[in-house]
Amino acid sequence: MSEDADFFSVPPSSSDAVGDEPIILGDAPPPDFAAAPAADESPFMGDVTDAPPPPSDAPIVLGGDDEMPPPPESSGPTPMQKWNEEWQETLKVRKEEENARKAELVEAARVALEAFQAEREVKRQSKMTKNREDEQAKLEAIEADLENDNSWQRVCKMIELSHDSTAKSADVKRMRDVLILLKNEPTRAEALTN
């Protein structure tokens, strides 16, 4: 109990003790963070320059002298690396086959185009030749008809004089007979026109 009595007793006064200071028993109270700052304190937490330096990027090794074991050395490529290599080879082979096939198709198309153009040129030349021959024959026929004095002969060449036996056709027998008569007897035709 003597300890308890000493604890609660008034402390002896000393000449170096300041009389205005409060006596604090036990631990100091925790600071009040929600309270307004005192007049002599800054309202801010601090400057950026007052911040502690960032932690270093060096790895933290516990145990100090312990050395990290070296990574295990692989005896060969991983299965994924093997698969990637095989896939790249497959793609390379496919690309080569595609390029070869494309070259074949381009060559076949070029040959087919040349054949088509040659055939077209042959047809064009033959048609031009035939058209020239037909035109020449028509011009010669016109010249021959103009030299002929009987104009009714030219008319009969332009008109179809064959007999049409369809039921719906009009009866043109008399007209045909007149044209044939005028063609065969040019003197009579001259007498009729004058």
Foldseek 3Di string as FASTA:
>chain_A
DVVVVVVPDDDDDDPPDDPPDDDDDDDDDDDDPPDQDDPVDDRDPDDPVPDDDDDDPDDDDPPVVDDDDDPDDDPDDDPVVVVVVVVVVVVVVVVVVVVVVVVVVVVVVVVVVVVVVVVVVVVVVVVVVVVVVVVVVVVVVVVVQVVDPQVLVVVPVVDDLDDDPDPPDDDCPVVSVVSVVCRVDVVVVVVVVD
